[in-house]
């Protein structure tokens, strides 16, 4: 009689555990599929990528840009000094 009772309790606890696992799995799957169609973060990612590209270009052409700016500012200074 006692063995039957413990088996019954174990079966009931197993059923409860399985139900909990199924509910957790359903929530995980629902959240996973809802994230696939979510595009809210796309704007932030695009802005970050654009900034990274601009910074990369700035480092690549740093020497040329600085030489162009130096010549432009020297010409401006020469014109201002001539007035």
PDB file of N, CA and C in Angstrom:
ATOM      1  N   UNK A   1       0.817  -1.191   0.000  1.00  0.00           N
ATOM      2  CA  UNK A   1       0.000   0.000   0.000  1.00  0.00           C
ATOM      3  C   UNK A   1       0.866   1.262   0.000  1.00  0.00           C
ATOM      4  N   UNK A   2       1.936   1.253   0.791  1.00  0.00           N
ATOM      5  CA  UNK A   2       2.804   2.420   0.868  1.00  0.00           C
ATOM      6  C   UNK A   2       3.540   2.658  -0.446  1.00  0.00           C
ATOM      7  N   UNK A   3       3.960   1.581  -1.108  1.00  0.00           N
ATOM      8  CA  UNK A   3       4.649   1.699  -2.394  1.00  0.00           C
ATOM      9  C   UNK A   3       3.701   2.292  -3.430  1.00  0.00           C
ATOM     10  N   UNK A   4       2.462   1.850  -3.439  1.00  0.00           N
ATOM     11  CA  UNK A   4       1.478   2.376  -4.375  1.00  0.00           C
ATOM     12  C   UNK A   4       1.282   3.873  -4.158  1.00  0.00           C
ATOM     13  N   UNK A   5       1.262   4.270  -2.895  1.00  0.00           N
ATOM     14  CA  UNK A   5       1.051   5.669  -2.562  1.00  0.00           C
ATOM     15  C   UNK A   5       2.228   6.531  -3.037  1.00  0.00           C
ATOM     16  N   UNK A   6       3.457   6.071  -2.820  1.00  0.00           N
ATOM     17  CA  UNK A   6       4.615   6.843  -3.270  1.00  0.00           C
ATOM     18  C   UNK A   6       4.689   6.903  -4.788  1.00  0.00           C
ATOM     19  N   UNK A   7       4.325   5.808  -5.453  1.00  0.00           N
ATOM     20  CA  UNK A   7       4.300   5.825  -6.918  1.00  0.00           C
ATOM     21  C   UNK A   7       3.278   6.830  -7.431  1.00  0.00           C
ATOM     22  N   UNK A   8       2.148   6.893  -6.752  1.00  0.00           N
ATOM     23  CA  UNK A   8       1.102   7.831  -7.153  1.00  0.00           C
ATOM     24  C   UNK A   8       1.581   9.274  -6.959  1.00  0.00           C
ATOM     25  N   UNK A   9       2.281   9.520  -5.856  1.00  0.00           N
ATOM     26  CA  UNK A   9       2.805  10.855  -5.596  1.00  0.00           C
ATOM     27  C   UNK A   9       3.869  11.214  -6.635  1.00  0.00           C
ATOM     28  N   UNK A  10       4.739  10.261  -6.953  1.00  0.00           N
ATOM     29  CA  UNK A  10       5.774  10.512  -7.959  1.00  0.00           C
ATOM     30  C   UNK A  10       5.163  10.785  -9.322  1.00  0.00           C
ATOM     31  N   UNK A  11       4.137  10.042  -9.684  1.00  0.00           N
ATOM     32  CA  UNK A  11       3.487  10.274 -10.970  1.00  0.00           C
ATOM     33  C   UNK A  11       2.863  11.659 -11.015  1.00  0.00           C
ATOM     34  N   UNK A  12       2.239  12.068  -9.909  1.00  0.00           N
ATOM     35  CA  UNK A  12       1.613  13.380  -9.861  1.00  0.00           C
ATOM     36  C   UNK A  12       2.668  14.487  -9.961  1.00  0.00           C
ATOM     37  N   UNK A  13       3.786  14.310  -9.253  1.00  0.00           N
ATOM     38  CA  UNK A  13       4.839  15.331  -9.317  1.00  0.00           C
ATOM     39  C   UNK A  13       5.474  15.366 -10.709  1.00  0.00           C
ATOM     40  N   UNK A  14       5.612  14.203 -11.342  1.00  0.00           N
ATOM     41  CA  UNK A  14       6.138  14.169 -12.705  1.00  0.00           C
ATOM     42  C   UNK A  14       5.208  14.900 -13.667  1.00  0.00           C
ATOM     43  N   UNK A  15       3.914  14.717 -13.485  1.00  0.00           N
ATOM     44  CA  UNK A  15       2.944  15.413 -14.341  1.00  0.00           C
ATOM     45  C   UNK A  15       3.051  16.927 -14.157  1.00  0.00           C
ATOM     46  N   UNK A  16       3.213  17.358 -12.922  1.00  0.00           N
ATOM     47  CA  UNK A  16       3.328  18.791 -12.647  1.00  0.00           C
ATOM     48  C   UNK A  16       4.604  19.338 -13.270  1.00  0.00           C
ATOM     49  N   UNK A  17       5.701  18.615 -13.120  1.00  0.00           N
ATOM     50  CA  UNK A  17       6.972  19.058 -13.688  1.00  0.00           C
ATOM     51  C   UNK A  17       6.884  19.139 -15.206  1.00  0.00           C
ATOM     52  N   UNK A  18       6.251  18.155 -15.823  1.00  0.00           N
ATOM     53  CA  UNK A  18       6.103  18.153 -17.286  1.00  0.00           C
ATOM     54  C   UNK A  18       5.243  19.324 -17.736  1.00  0.00           C
ATOM     55  N   UNK A  19       4.169  19.621 -17.000  1.00  0.00           N
ATOM     56  CA  UNK A  19       3.317  20.757 -17.350  1.00  0.00           C
ATOM     57  C   UNK A  19       4.100  22.067 -17.254  1.00  0.00           C
ATOM     58  N   UNK A  20       4.920  22.199 -16.206  1.00  0.00           N
ATOM     59  CA  UNK A  20       5.727  23.409 -16.045  1.00  0.00           C
ATOM     60  C   UNK A  20       6.727  23.527 -17.188  1.00  0.00           C
ATOM     61  N   UNK A  21       7.363  22.413 -17.538  1.00  0.00           N
ATOM     62  CA  UNK A  21       8.333  22.433 -18.632  1.00  0.00           C
ATOM     63  C   UNK A  21       7.675  22.812 -19.955  1.00  0.00           C
ATOM     64  N   UNK A  22       6.489  22.302 -20.193  1.00  0.00           N
ATOM     65  CA  UNK A  22       5.769  22.622 -21.429  1.00  0.00           C
ATOM     66  C   UNK A  22       5.428  24.110 -21.469  1.00  0.00           C
ATOM     67  N   UNK A  23       4.979  24.658 -20.332  1.00  0.00           N
ATOM     68  CA  UNK A  23       4.635  26.083 -20.313  1.00  0.00           C
ATOM     69  C   UNK A  23       5.878  26.948 -20.529  1.00  0.00           C
ATOM     70  N   UNK A  24       6.994  26.562 -19.913  1.00  0.00           N
ATOM     71  CA  UNK A  24       8.235  27.311 -20.114  1.00  0.00           C
ATOM     72  C   UNK A  24       8.660  27.231 -21.573  1.00  0.00           C
ATOM     73  N   UNK A  25       8.588  26.048 -22.171  1.00  0.00           N
ATOM     74  CA  UNK A  25       8.972  25.877 -23.574  1.00  0.00           C
ATOM     75  C   UNK A  25       8.086  26.708 -24.503  1.00  0.00           C
ATOM     76  N   UNK A  26       6.778  26.747 -24.205  1.00  0.00           N
ATOM     77  CA  UNK A  26       5.871  27.559 -25.020  1.00  0.00           C
ATOM     78  C   UNK A  26       6.229  29.039 -24.930  1.00  0.00           C
ATOM     79  N   UNK A  27       6.550  29.515 -23.726  1.00  0.00           N
ATOM     80  CA  UNK A  27       6.922  30.924 -23.582  1.00  0.00           C
ATOM     81  C   UNK A  27       8.216  31.226 -24.331  1.00  0.00           C
ATOM     82  N   UNK A  28       9.186  30.321 -24.245  1.00  0.00           N
ATOM     83  CA  UNK A  28      10.452  30.529 -24.950  1.00  0.00           C
ATOM     84  C   UNK A  28      10.211  30.588 -26.454  1.00  0.00           C
ATOM     85  N   UNK A  29       9.424  29.663 -26.976  1.00  0.00           N
ATOM     86  CA  UNK A  29       9.177  29.635 -28.417  1.00  0.00           C
ATOM     87  C   UNK A  29       8.391  30.863 -28.874  1.00  0.00           C
ATOM     88  N   UNK A  30       7.413  31.303 -28.081  1.00  0.00           N
ATOM     89  CA  UNK A  30       6.643  32.495 -28.451  1.00  0.00           C
ATOM     90  C   UNK A  30       7.538  33.723 -28.466  1.00  0.00           C
ATOM     91  N   UNK A  31       8.416  33.864 -27.486  1.00  0.00           N
ATOM     92  CA  UNK A  31       9.321  35.011 -27.456  1.00  0.00           C
ATOM     93  C   UNK A  31      10.318  34.951 -28.603  1.00  0.00           C
ATOM     94  N   UNK A  32      10.779  33.744 -28.936  1.00  0.00           N
ATOM     95  CA  UNK A  32      11.753  33.602 -30.013  1.00  0.00           C
ATOM     96  C   UNK A  32      11.157  34.044 -31.345  1.00  0.00           C
ATOM     97  N   UNK A  33       9.940  33.645 -31.610  1.00  0.00           N
ATOM     98  CA  UNK A  33       9.328  34.009 -32.883  1.00  0.00           C
ATOM     99  C   UNK A  33       8.881  35.467 -32.901  1.00  0.00           C
ATOM    100  N   UNK A  34       8.597  36.034 -31.747  1.00  0.00           N
ATOM    101  CA  UNK A  34       8.225  37.446 -31.735  1.00  0.00           C
ATOM    102  C   UNK A  34       9.436  38.334 -31.963  1.00  0.00           C
ATOM    103  N   UNK A  35      10.647  37.858 -31.637  1.00  0.00           N
ATOM    104  CA  UNK A  35      11.852  38.644 -31.866  1.00  0.00           C
ATOM    105  C   UNK A  35      12.256  38.664 -33.332  1.00  0.00           C
ATOM    106  N   UNK A  36      11.843  37.653 -34.091  1.00  0.00           N
ATOM    107  CA  UNK A  36      12.217  37.583 -35.506  1.00  0.00           C
ATOM    108  C   UNK A  36      11.607  38.754 -36.280  1.00  0.00           C
ATOM    109  N   UNK A  37      10.365  39.089 -36.009  1.00  0.00           N
ATOM    110  CA  UNK A  37       9.689  40.158 -36.736  1.00  0.00           C
ATOM    111  C   UNK A  37       9.884  41.532 -36.134  1.00  0.00           C
ATOM    112  N   UNK A  38      10.635  41.630 -35.044  1.00  0.00           N
ATOM    113  CA  UNK A  38      10.825  42.902 -34.353  1.00  0.00           C
ATOM    114  C   UNK A  38      11.980  43.672 -34.995  1.00  0.00           C
ATOM    115  N   UNK A  39      11.696  44.862 -35.524  1.00  0.00           N
ATOM    116  CA  UNK A  39      12.718  45.668 -36.193  1.00  0.00           C
ATOM    117  C   UNK A  39      12.980  46.979 -35.464  1.00  0.00           C
ATOM    118  N   UNK A  40      12.696  47.072 -34.186  1.00  0.00           N
ATOM    119  CA  UNK A  40      12.839  48.334 -33.477  1.00  0.00           C
ATOM    120  C   UNK A  40      14.288  48.762 -33.340  1.00  0.00           C
ATOM    121  N   UNK A  41      15.218  47.830 -33.233  1.00  0.00           N
ATOM    122  CA  UNK A  41      16.614  48.186 -33.031  1.00  0.00           C
ATOM    123  C   UNK A  41      17.384  48.454 -34.312  1.00  0.00           C
ATOM    124  N   UNK A  42      16.738  48.347 -35.453  1.00  0.00           N
ATOM    125  CA  UNK A  42      17.449  48.497 -36.714  1.00  0.00           C
ATOM    126  C   UNK A  42      18.002  49.906 -36.889  1.00  0.00           C
ATOM    127  N   UNK A  43      17.310  50.932 -36.454  1.00  0.00           N
ATOM    128  CA  UNK A  43      17.795  52.292 -36.611  1.00  0.00           C
ATOM    129  C   UNK A  43      19.082  52.524 -35.844  1.00  0.00           C
ATOM    130  N   UNK A  44      19.147  51.995 -34.641  1.00  0.00           N
ATOM    131  CA  UNK A  44      20.342  52.161 -33.811  1.00  0.00           C
ATOM    132  C   UNK A  44      21.524  51.454 -34.452  1.00  0.00           C
ATOM    133  N   UNK A  45      21.310  50.255 -34.937  1.00  0.00           N
ATOM    134  CA  UNK A  45      22.384  49.485 -35.562  1.00  0.00           C
ATOM    135  C   UNK A  45      22.891  50.198 -36.813  1.00  0.00           C
ATOM    136  N   UNK A  46      21.991  50.736 -37.597  1.00  0.00           N
ATOM    137  CA  UNK A  46      22.402  51.443 -38.809  1.00  0.00           C
ATOM    138  C   UNK A  46      23.232  52.677 -38.471  1.00  0.00           C
ATOM    139  N   UNK A  47      22.828  53.432 -37.464  1.00  0.00           N
ATOM    140  CA  UNK A  47      23.574  54.630 -37.076  1.00  0.00           C
ATOM    141  C   UNK A  47      24.969  54.250 -36.593  1.00  0.00           C
ATOM    142  N   UNK A  48      25.063  53.189 -35.793  1.00  0.00           N
ATOM    143  CA  UNK A  48      26.368  52.745 -35.298  1.00  0.00           C
ATOM    144  C   UNK A  48      27.264  52.311 -36.454  1.00  0.00           C
ATOM    145  N   UNK A  49      26.713  51.592 -37.419  1.00  0.00           N
ATOM    146  CA  UNK A  49      27.512  51.171 -38.569  1.00  0.00           C
ATOM    147  C   UNK A  49      27.989  52.361 -39.398  1.00  0.00           C
ATOM    148  N   UNK A  50      27.138  53.347 -39.582  1.00  0.00           N
ATOM    149  CA  UNK A  50      27.532  54.543 -40.336  1.00  0.00           C
ATOM    150  C   UNK A  50      28.649  55.283 -39.613  1.00  0.00           C
ATOM    151  N   UNK A  51      28.533  55.409 -38.297  1.00  0.00           N
ATOM    152  CA  UNK A  51      29.585  56.083 -37.521  1.00  0.00           C
ATOM    153  C   UNK A  51      30.899  55.323 -37.629  1.00  0.00           C
ATOM    154  N   UNK A  52      30.836  53.998 -37.547  1.00  0.00           N
ATOM    155  CA  UNK A  52      32.056  53.203 -37.670  1.00  0.00           C
ATOM    156  C   UNK A  52      32.717  53.378 -39.037  1.00  0.00           C
ATOM    157  N   UNK A  53      31.919  53.425 -40.091  1.00  0.00           N
ATOM    158  CA  UNK A  53      32.468  53.619 -41.435  1.00  0.00           C
ATOM    159  C   UNK A  53      33.106  55.001 -41.548  1.00  0.00           C
ATOM    160  N   UNK A  54      32.452  56.013 -41.012  1.00  0.00           N
ATOM    161  CA  UNK A  54      33.013  57.372 -41.082  1.00  0.00           C
ATOM    162  C   UNK A  54      34.314  57.487 -40.293  1.00  0.00           C
ATOM    163  N   UNK A  55      34.354  56.864 -39.129  1.00  0.00           N
ATOM    164  CA  UNK A  55      35.589  56.898 -38.338  1.00  0.00           C
ATOM    165  C   UNK A  55      36.698  56.149 -39.073  1.00  0.00           C
ATOM    166  N   UNK A  56      36.371  55.026 -39.689  1.00  0.00           N
ATOM    167  CA  UNK A  56      37.356  54.275 -40.462  1.00  0.00           C
ATOM    168  C   UNK A  56      37.886  55.082 -41.635  1.00  0.00           C
ATOM    169  N   UNK A  57      37.009  55.773 -42.327  1.00  0.00           N
ATOM    170  CA  UNK A  57      37.445  56.629 -43.436  1.00  0.00           C
ATOM    171  C   UNK A  57      38.303  57.783 -42.941  1.00  0.00           C
ATOM    172  N   UNK A  58      37.952  58.329 -41.796  1.00  0.00           N
ATOM    173  CA  UNK A  58      38.743  59.431 -41.247  1.00  0.00           C
ATOM    174  C   UNK A  58      40.157  58.970 -40.920  1.00  0.00           C
ATOM    175  N   UNK A  59      40.290  57.784 -40.330  1.00  0.00           N
ATOM    176  CA  UNK A  59      41.631  57.273 -40.033  1.00  0.00           C
ATOM    177  C   UNK A  59      42.396  56.922 -41.301  1.00  0.00           C
ATOM    178  N   UNK A  60      41.690  56.429 -42.308  1.00  0.00           N
ATOM    179  CA  UNK A  60      42.353  56.048 -43.551  1.00  0.00           C
ATOM    180  C   UNK A  60      42.912  57.267 -44.285  1.00  0.00           C
ATOM    181  N   UNK A  61      42.116  58.326 -44.378  1.00  0.00           N
ATOM    182  CA  UNK A  61      42.518  59.505 -45.140  1.00  0.00           C
ATOM    183  C   UNK A  61      42.953  60.660 -44.244  1.00  0.00           C
ATOM    184  N   UNK A  62      43.422  60.352 -43.043  1.00  0.00           N
ATOM    185  CA  UNK A  62      43.802  61.383 -42.083  1.00  0.00           C
ATOM    186  C   UNK A  62      44.913  62.285 -42.628  1.00  0.00           C
ATOM    187  N   UNK A  63      45.903  61.706 -43.238  1.00  0.00           N
ATOM    188  CA  UNK A  63      47.017  62.494 -43.768  1.00  0.00           C
ATOM    189  C   UNK A  63      46.588  63.413 -44.886  1.00  0.00           C
ATOM    190  N   UNK A  64      45.785  62.917 -45.811  1.00  0.00           N
ATOM    191  CA  UNK A  64      45.346  63.734 -46.950  1.00  0.00           C
ATOM    192  C   UNK A  64      44.430  64.859 -46.493  1.00  0.00           C
ATOM    193  N   UNK A  65      43.520  64.543 -45.566  1.00  0.00           N
ATOM    194  CA  UNK A  65      42.585  65.562 -45.096  1.00  0.00           C
ATOM    195  C   UNK A  65      43.340  66.657 -44.345  1.00  0.00           C
ATOM    196  N   UNK A  66      44.304  66.267 -43.519  1.00  0.00           N
ATOM    197  CA  UNK A  66      45.052  67.285 -42.771  1.00  0.00           C
ATOM    198  C   UNK A  66      45.884  68.160 -43.710  1.00  0.00           C
ATOM    199  N   UNK A  67      46.451  67.587 -44.763  1.00  0.00           N
ATOM    200  CA  UNK A  67      47.233  68.406 -45.702  1.00  0.00           C
ATOM    201  C   UNK A  67      46.325  69.368 -46.475  1.00  0.00           C
ATOM    202  N   UNK A  68      45.160  68.912 -46.863  1.00  0.00           N
ATOM    203  CA  UNK A  68      44.207  69.797 -47.566  1.00  0.00           C
ATOM    204  C   UNK A  68      43.763  70.927 -46.652  1.00  0.00           C
ATOM    205  N   UNK A  69      43.446  70.598 -45.390  1.00  0.00           N
ATOM    206  CA  UNK A  69      43.016  71.638 -44.451  1.00  0.00           C
ATOM    207  C   UNK A  69      44.144  72.636 -44.173  1.00  0.00           C
ATOM    208  N   UNK A  70      45.364  72.139 -44.085  1.00  0.00           N
ATOM    209  CA  UNK A  70      46.497  73.053 -43.855  1.00  0.00           C
ATOM    210  C   UNK A  70      46.666  74.022 -45.012  1.00  0.00           C
ATOM    211  N   UNK A  71      46.543  73.537 -46.243  1.00  0.00           N
ATOM    212  CA  UNK A  71      46.684  74.440 -47.399  1.00  0.00           C
ATOM    213  C   UNK A  71      45.537  75.447 -47.450  1.00  0.00           C
ATOM    214  N   UNK A  72      44.325  74.995 -47.145  1.00  0.00           N
ATOM    215  CA  UNK A  72      43.166  75.899 -47.169  1.00  0.00           C
ATOM    216  C   UNK A  72      43.333  76.980 -46.113  1.00  0.00           C
ATOM    217  N   UNK A  73      43.714  76.598 -44.898  1.00  0.00           N
ATOM    218  CA  UNK A  73      43.871  77.595 -43.829  1.00  0.00           C
ATOM    219  C   UNK A  73      45.046  78.536 -44.092  1.00  0.00           C
ATOM    220  N   UNK A  74      46.096  78.032 -44.707  1.00  0.00           N
ATOM    221  CA  UNK A  74      47.224  78.927 -45.039  1.00  0.00           C
ATOM    222  C   UNK A  74      46.806  79.939 -46.103  1.00  0.00           C
ATOM    223  N   UNK A  75      46.000  79.526 -47.069  1.00  0.00           N
ATOM    224  CA  UNK A  75      45.497  80.459 -48.079  1.00  0.00           C
ATOM    225  C   UNK A  75      44.581  81.497 -47.449  1.00  0.00           C
ATOM    226  N   UNK A  76      43.735  81.037 -46.507  1.00  0.00           N
ATOM    227  CA  UNK A  76      42.835  81.983 -45.821  1.00  0.00           C
ATOM    228  C   UNK A  76      43.659  82.994 -45.032  1.00  0.00           C
ATOM    229  N   UNK A  77      44.690  82.514 -44.318  1.00  0.00           N
ATOM    230  CA  UNK A  77      45.544  83.431 -43.548  1.00  0.00           C
ATOM    231  C   UNK A  77      46.248  84.424 -44.457  1.00  0.00           C
ATOM    232  N   UNK A  78      46.710  83.972 -45.606  1.00  0.00           N
ATOM    233  CA  UNK A  78      47.370  84.881 -46.556  1.00  0.00           C
ATOM    234  C   UNK A  78      46.416  85.944 -47.057  1.00  0.00           C
ATOM    235  N   UNK A  79      45.180  85.557 -47.354  1.00  0.00           N
ATOM    236  CA  UNK A  79      44.187  86.527 -47.828  1.00  0.00           C
ATOM    237  C   UNK A  79      43.830  87.528 -46.739  1.00  0.00           C
ATOM    238  N   UNK A  80      43.685  87.023 -45.505  1.00  0.00           N
ATOM    239  CA  UNK A  80      43.340  87.924 -44.400  1.00  0.00           C
ATOM    240  C   UNK A  80      44.476  88.892 -44.142  1.00  0.00           C
ATOM    241  N   UNK A  81      45.694  88.415 -44.190  1.00  0.00           N
ATOM    242  CA  UNK A  81      46.854  89.281 -43.945  1.00  0.00           C
ATOM    243  C   UNK A  81      47.039  90.316 -45.058  1.00  0.00           C
ATOM    244  N   UNK A  82      46.570  90.002 -46.272  1.00  0.00           N
ATOM    245  CA  UNK A  82      46.720  90.953 -47.375  1.00  0.00           C
ATOM    246  C   UNK A  82      45.743  92.135 -47.251  1.00  0.00           C
ATOM    247  N   UNK A  83      44.669  91.974 -46.456  1.00  0.00           N
ATOM    248  CA  UNK A  83      43.732  93.074 -46.279  1.00  0.00           C
ATOM    249  C   UNK A  83      44.347  94.019 -45.346  1.00  0.00           C
TER     250      UNK A  83
END
